[in-house]
Protein backbone atom coordinates (compact mmCIF):
# COMPACT_ATOMS: atom_id res chain seq x y z
CA MET A 1 -135.04 170.57 61.01
CA ARG A 2 -130.90 169.31 60.22
CA ASN A 3 -130.87 171.04 56.96
CA ILE A 4 -131.79 174.41 58.74
CA ILE A 5 -129.07 174.38 61.44
CA GLY A 6 -126.54 173.40 59.05
CA ALA A 7 -127.97 176.37 56.52
CA PHE A 8 -127.60 178.59 59.93
CA GLY A 9 -123.92 177.15 60.58
CA THR A 10 -123.00 178.01 56.83
CA LEU A 11 -124.60 181.43 57.24
CA ILE A 12 -122.50 181.91 60.40
CA MET A 13 -118.81 181.09 58.98
CA LEU A 14 -119.94 183.39 56.24
CA LEU A 15 -120.41 186.02 57.78
CA ILE A 16 -117.20 186.02 60.69
CA TYR A 17 -115.28 185.49 57.05
CA PHE A 18 -117.31 188.84 56.01
CA PHE A 19 -116.17 190.54 59.01
CA SER A 20 -113.09 189.29 59.22
CA CYS A 21 -112.39 190.24 55.05
CA ILE A 22 -113.38 194.09 55.79
CA SER A 23 -111.03 193.58 59.43
CA VAL A 24 -107.79 192.77 56.91
CA GLY A 25 -108.62 195.68 54.35
CA ASN A 26 -109.50 198.35 56.45
CA ALA A 27 -106.28 197.68 58.22
CA GLY A 28 -104.07 197.96 54.47
CA ILE A 29 -105.66 200.69 53.64
CA ALA A 30 -105.00 201.89 56.99
CA VAL A 31 -101.16 201.36 56.55
CA ALA A 32 -101.83 202.49 52.96
CA ALA A 33 -102.66 205.75 54.39
CA ALA A 34 -99.97 205.99 56.86
CA LYS A 35 -97.14 205.08 54.05
CA GLU A 36 -98.49 207.61 51.65
CA PHE A 37 -98.04 210.16 54.50
CA LYS A 38 -94.86 209.46 55.45
CA ALA A 39 -94.19 210.02 51.85
CA GLU A 40 -95.84 213.95 51.47
CA VAL A 41 -94.15 214.51 54.71
CA VAL A 42 -90.55 213.66 52.61
CA ALA A 43 -91.24 216.28 49.93
CA GLU A 44 -92.60 218.80 51.83
CA ILE A 45 -89.66 218.96 54.20
CA GLU A 46 -87.04 218.43 50.61
CA ASN A 47 -89.13 221.27 48.74
CA SER A 48 -89.13 223.57 51.88
CA ASN A 49 -85.01 222.82 51.90
CA PHE A 50 -85.41 221.88 55.56
CA ASN A 51 -87.15 224.20 56.88
CA PRO A 52 -87.24 223.90 61.15
CA LYS A 53 -90.61 225.85 61.06
CA VAL A 54 -92.11 223.23 57.86
CA ILE A 55 -91.39 220.55 60.13
CA GLU A 56 -92.85 221.70 62.92
CA GLY A 57 -95.91 222.05 61.23
CA CYS A 58 -95.39 218.38 59.40
CA ILE A 59 -94.93 216.92 63.15
CA ARG A 60 -98.17 218.76 64.11
CA GLN A 61 -100.24 217.95 61.38
CA ALA A 62 -99.19 214.46 62.15
CA GLU A 63 -100.27 214.50 65.73
CA ASN A 64 -104.12 215.81 64.39
CA ALA A 65 -104.10 212.44 62.18
CA GLY A 66 -103.56 210.18 64.56
CA TYR A 67 -99.67 209.50 64.22
CA GLN A 68 -95.85 210.23 65.86
CA LEU A 69 -93.70 212.17 63.73
CA GLN A 70 -89.95 212.53 64.74
CA VAL A 71 -88.10 214.28 61.97
CA THR A 72 -84.11 213.58 62.88
CA SER A 73 -82.02 216.05 60.73
CA CYS A 74 -78.05 215.83 59.78
CA MET A 75 -75.63 217.22 57.14
CA TYR A 76 -73.71 214.66 55.57
CA ASP A 77 -71.08 216.48 53.49
CA GLU A 78 -70.12 220.12 55.22
CA ARG A 79 -68.33 220.72 52.70
CA TYR A 80 -71.28 221.48 50.10
CA ASN A 81 -74.06 222.08 52.91
CA MET A 82 -75.61 218.66 51.41
CA GLN A 83 -78.33 217.83 54.46
CA SER A 84 -80.83 214.88 54.62
CA ALA A 85 -83.33 213.94 57.22
CA GLU A 86 -84.38 210.17 58.30
CA VAL A 87 -88.76 210.54 59.16
CA VAL A 88 -89.45 208.38 61.49
CA LEU A 89 -93.85 207.85 61.30
CA THR A 90 -95.28 205.46 64.06
CA TYR A 91 -99.01 204.37 62.93
CA SER A 92 -101.25 201.78 65.05
CA TYR A 93 -102.62 198.57 64.03
CA THR A 94 -105.00 196.78 64.48
CA ILE A 95 -107.44 194.09 63.45
CA PRO A 96 -110.36 194.41 65.92
CA LEU A 97 -112.06 191.16 65.33
CA LEU A 98 -108.63 188.67 65.55
CA GLY A 99 -107.53 191.29 68.35
CA ILE A 100 -104.60 191.99 67.06
CA SER A 101 -102.99 195.84 68.00
CA GLU A 102 -99.81 196.90 66.85
CA THR A 103 -98.27 199.90 66.30
CA ARG A 104 -95.48 200.06 63.91
CA THR A 105 -92.97 202.61 62.32
CA THR A 106 -92.01 203.32 58.21
CA ARG A 107 -88.77 205.29 58.40
CA GLY A 108 -87.93 207.59 54.97
CA ILE A 109 -84.76 209.56 54.03
CA ALA A 110 -85.14 212.99 52.87
CA ARG A 111 -82.17 214.40 50.74
């Protein structure tokens, strides 16, 4: 009887460990997807030469993907007409089994 209780206790601990590892892995995948999305937005803005319609399309695309995107344009050299834009992507970071739910941001600059 003592061995059966020990075996079930070990099995329960292994299942908790297994599901917590899966939750942490899924959270890592979500972070990587958000950063990849941000990099794609930066590249798209740069390739479009800071076209406002492209920026609006990127913001709509981010909303459809469950992100919040802010693009702040600025001109850092008016003489040579050099523009840049700060791209701020806000995403949610959750690990349900451990009760972790945060809002995080990742930033990039389009030049």
